Amino acid sequence: MLRVTLLSFILIASLVDAFLTDIGIRSGMIIEANPFMSWLYHQSILAFFLFKVTLPLLLLFLIRPKISKLLKGLIYITSGLYVFALAMHFVWIVTAYKYF
């Protein structure tokens, strides 16, 4: 159950991150910090979104219910990184509206 909850969180966080990144890049407020994702975004925004959705979906469907402690730890780390990324989006959004 925890596996599905965390991986579902990663999927939703990835989608929110993709949308907010797209808005931030289009508005000129941010840049994509990940070089590969920046390249992909500039090649095709659709490919960027599909990539952001595909990886979490693969994890959700390919990872078995019983997972190793290492894999569980990596899922926790990934969740934490998405919390950090979403917090960074919150900061630029608040900063942007502060100046309007």
Protein backbone atom coordinates (compact mmCIF):
# COMPACT_ATOMS: atom_id res chain seq x y z
CA MET A 1 0.00 0.00 0.00
CA LEU A 2 2.80 2.41 0.90
CA ARG A 3 4.48 1.60 -2.42
CA VAL A 4 1.36 2.58 -4.39
CA THR A 5 0.85 5.72 -2.31
CA LEU A 6 4.43 6.92 -2.74
CA LEU A 7 4.59 6.09 -6.43
CA SER A 8 1.22 7.79 -6.98
CA PHE A 9 2.60 10.84 -5.19
CA ILE A 10 5.65 10.77 -7.48
CA LEU A 11 3.38 10.59 -10.54
CA ILE A 12 1.21 13.51 -9.41
CA ALA A 13 4.24 15.54 -8.29
CA SER A 14 5.92 14.88 -11.64
CA LEU A 15 2.86 16.16 -13.51
CA VAL A 16 2.58 19.26 -11.34
CA ASP A 17 6.32 19.84 -11.72
CA ALA A 18 6.03 19.54 -15.51
CA PHE A 19 3.15 22.02 -15.73
CA LEU A 20 4.77 24.53 -13.38
CA THR A 21 8.11 24.18 -15.17
CA ASP A 22 6.39 24.83 -18.50
CA ILE A 23 4.66 27.93 -17.12
CA GLY A 24 7.88 29.15 -15.53
CA ILE A 25 9.94 28.69 -18.69
CA ARG A 26 7.30 30.31 -20.91
CA SER A 27 7.07 33.30 -18.56
CA GLY A 28 10.84 33.63 -18.39
CA MET A 29 10.85 33.26 -14.61
CA ILE A 30 12.85 30.02 -14.47
CA ILE A 31 15.01 27.69 -16.52
CA GLU A 32 15.05 23.90 -16.45
CA ALA A 33 18.03 22.99 -14.27
CA ASN A 34 18.33 19.39 -15.51
CA PRO A 35 20.35 19.53 -18.76
CA PHE A 36 18.64 16.50 -20.30
CA MET A 37 15.15 17.74 -19.45
CA SER A 38 16.05 21.21 -20.73
CA TRP A 39 17.19 19.71 -24.03
CA LEU A 40 14.05 17.56 -24.24
CA TYR A 41 11.79 20.54 -23.44
CA HIS A 42 13.37 22.60 -26.21
CA GLN A 43 13.07 19.70 -28.67
CA SER A 44 9.42 18.98 -27.94
CA ILE A 45 7.21 20.11 -25.08
CA LEU A 46 5.00 17.08 -25.71
CA ALA A 47 8.01 14.76 -25.36
CA PHE A 48 8.92 16.58 -22.12
CA PHE A 49 5.46 15.93 -20.67
CA LEU A 50 5.35 12.33 -21.90
CA PHE A 51 8.74 11.59 -20.36
CA LYS A 52 7.68 13.15 -17.05
CA VAL A 53 4.59 10.90 -16.97
CA THR A 54 6.06 7.71 -18.41
CA LEU A 55 8.80 7.13 -15.83
CA PRO A 56 6.53 7.27 -12.75
CA LEU A 57 3.93 5.12 -14.53
CA LEU A 58 6.58 2.52 -15.33
CA LEU A 59 7.63 2.49 -11.69
CA LEU A 60 4.04 2.15 -10.56
CA PHE A 61 3.36 -0.84 -12.79
CA LEU A 62 6.75 -2.57 -12.83
CA ILE A 63 7.74 -2.48 -9.16
CA ARG A 64 6.37 -5.47 -7.31
CA PRO A 65 4.54 -5.14 -3.99
CA LYS A 66 7.53 -6.54 -2.06
CA ILE A 67 10.48 -4.26 -2.62
CA SER A 68 13.97 -4.18 -1.17
CA LYS A 69 15.02 -1.68 1.45
CA LEU A 70 17.31 -0.06 -1.10
CA LEU A 71 14.49 0.47 -3.59
CA LYS A 72 12.19 1.72 -0.84
CA GLY A 73 14.88 4.19 0.19
CA LEU A 74 15.27 5.39 -3.39
CA ILE A 75 11.51 5.92 -3.64
CA TYR A 76 11.62 7.99 -0.44
CA ILE A 77 14.53 10.04 -1.80
CA THR A 78 12.69 10.63 -5.08
CA SER A 79 9.60 11.75 -3.17
CA GLY A 80 11.73 14.13 -1.12
CA LEU A 81 13.32 15.57 -4.25
CA TYR A 82 9.89 16.24 -5.72
CA VAL A 83 8.83 17.98 -2.50
CA PHE A 84 11.93 20.17 -2.86
CA ALA A 85 11.22 20.86 -6.56
CA LEU A 86 7.62 21.81 -5.81
CA ALA A 87 8.79 24.06 -2.98
CA MET A 88 11.11 25.80 -5.44
CA HIS A 89 8.16 26.33 -7.79
CA PHE A 90 6.22 27.80 -4.88
CA VAL A 91 9.07 30.25 -4.23
CA TRP A 92 9.22 31.54 -7.81
CA ILE A 93 5.43 31.79 -8.03
CA VAL A 94 5.23 33.81 -4.81
CA THR A 95 8.16 35.96 -5.95
CA ALA A 96 6.55 36.56 -9.36
CA TYR A 97 3.24 37.65 -7.85
CA LYS A 98 4.99 39.83 -5.30
CA TYR A 99 6.21 42.06 -8.14
CA PHE A 100 2.87 42.38 -9.96
